[in-house]
């Protein structure tokens, strides 16, 4: 169950980053990760 919690946390973090970039109208840049 610990792995699942970590996975969910990572997914939410990634979604937040994607939402922020979409809001700013920026293109995905792998170099920023």
N, C-alpha and C. Protein backbone atom coordinates (compact mmCIF):
# COMPACT_ATOMS: atom_id res chain seq x y z
N UNK A 1 0.84 -1.20 0.00
CA UNK A 1 0.00 0.00 0.00
C UNK A 1 0.88 1.25 0.00
N UNK A 2 2.07 1.14 0.53
CA UNK A 2 2.97 2.29 0.57
C UNK A 2 3.37 2.71 -0.83
N UNK A 3 3.63 1.72 -1.69
CA UNK A 3 4.02 2.02 -3.07
C UNK A 3 2.90 2.76 -3.80
N UNK A 4 1.66 2.33 -3.54
CA UNK A 4 0.51 2.95 -4.19
C UNK A 4 0.39 4.41 -3.78
N UNK A 5 0.60 4.68 -2.50
CA UNK A 5 0.52 6.06 -2.00
C UNK A 5 1.56 6.93 -2.67
N UNK A 6 2.77 6.40 -2.80
CA UNK A 6 3.86 7.14 -3.43
C UNK A 6 3.54 7.39 -4.90
N UNK A 7 2.94 6.40 -5.54
CA UNK A 7 2.59 6.53 -6.96
C UNK A 7 1.53 7.61 -7.15
N UNK A 8 0.52 7.60 -6.29
CA UNK A 8 -0.54 8.61 -6.37
C UNK A 8 0.04 10.00 -6.16
N UNK A 9 0.93 10.13 -5.19
CA UNK A 9 1.55 11.42 -4.91
C UNK A 9 2.34 11.91 -6.11
N UNK A 10 3.06 11.01 -6.75
CA UNK A 10 3.86 11.37 -7.92
C UNK A 10 2.95 11.79 -9.08
N UNK A 11 1.85 11.06 -9.25
CA UNK A 11 0.91 11.37 -10.32
C UNK A 11 0.28 12.74 -10.12
N UNK A 12 -0.10 13.03 -8.88
CA UNK A 12 -0.72 14.33 -8.57
C UNK A 12 0.27 15.45 -8.80
N UNK A 13 1.53 15.21 -8.45
CA UNK A 13 2.57 16.22 -8.65
C UNK A 13 2.74 16.50 -10.14
N UNK A 14 2.74 15.42 -10.93
CA UNK A 14 2.90 15.56 -12.38
C UNK A 14 1.70 16.29 -12.98
N UNK A 15 0.50 15.94 -12.51
CA UNK A 15 -0.71 16.59 -13.02
C UNK A 15 -0.69 18.09 -12.70
N UNK A 16 -0.19 18.43 -11.52
CA UNK A 16 -0.11 19.84 -11.14
C UNK A 16 0.81 20.59 -12.08
N UNK A 17 1.96 19.98 -12.40
CA UNK A 17 2.92 20.60 -13.32
C UNK A 17 2.30 20.78 -14.69
N UNK A 18 1.61 19.75 -15.18
CA UNK A 18 0.97 19.81 -16.50
C UNK A 18 -0.11 20.89 -16.51
N UNK A 19 -0.92 20.94 -15.47
CA UNK A 19 -1.98 21.95 -15.40
C UNK A 19 -1.40 23.36 -15.39
N UNK A 20 -0.30 23.54 -14.68
CA UNK A 20 0.34 24.85 -14.62
C UNK A 20 0.85 25.25 -15.99
N UNK A 21 1.48 24.31 -16.69
CA UNK A 21 2.02 24.60 -18.03
C UNK A 21 0.90 24.91 -19.01
N UNK A 22 -0.20 24.17 -18.92
CA UNK A 22 -1.34 24.42 -19.81
C UNK A 22 -1.93 25.79 -19.53
N UNK A 23 -1.98 26.17 -18.26
CA UNK A 23 -2.53 27.46 -17.88
C UNK A 23 -1.66 28.60 -18.41
N UNK A 24 -0.36 28.36 -18.45
CA UNK A 24 0.57 29.38 -18.95
C UNK A 24 0.71 29.32 -20.46
N UNK A 25 0.18 28.25 -21.06
CA UNK A 25 0.25 28.10 -22.51
C UNK A 25 1.64 27.73 -22.98
N UNK A 26 2.39 27.06 -22.12
CA UNK A 26 3.76 26.68 -22.49
C UNK A 26 3.77 25.27 -23.07
N UNK A 27 4.75 25.00 -23.90
CA UNK A 27 4.90 23.66 -24.47
C UNK A 27 5.67 22.78 -23.50
N UNK A 28 5.44 21.47 -23.59
CA UNK A 28 6.14 20.54 -22.72
C UNK A 28 7.64 20.57 -23.02
N UNK A 29 8.43 20.77 -21.99
CA UNK A 29 9.88 20.81 -22.17
C UNK A 29 10.53 19.80 -21.22
N UNK A 30 10.95 18.64 -21.75
CA UNK A 30 11.55 17.57 -20.94
C UNK A 30 12.77 18.03 -20.14
N UNK A 31 13.44 19.08 -20.61
CA UNK A 31 14.64 19.56 -19.92
C UNK A 31 14.32 20.15 -18.55
N UNK A 32 13.08 20.55 -18.34
CA UNK A 32 12.69 21.17 -17.07
C UNK A 32 12.44 20.16 -15.98
N UNK A 33 12.21 18.92 -16.35
CA UNK A 33 11.86 17.92 -15.35
C UNK A 33 13.08 17.47 -14.57
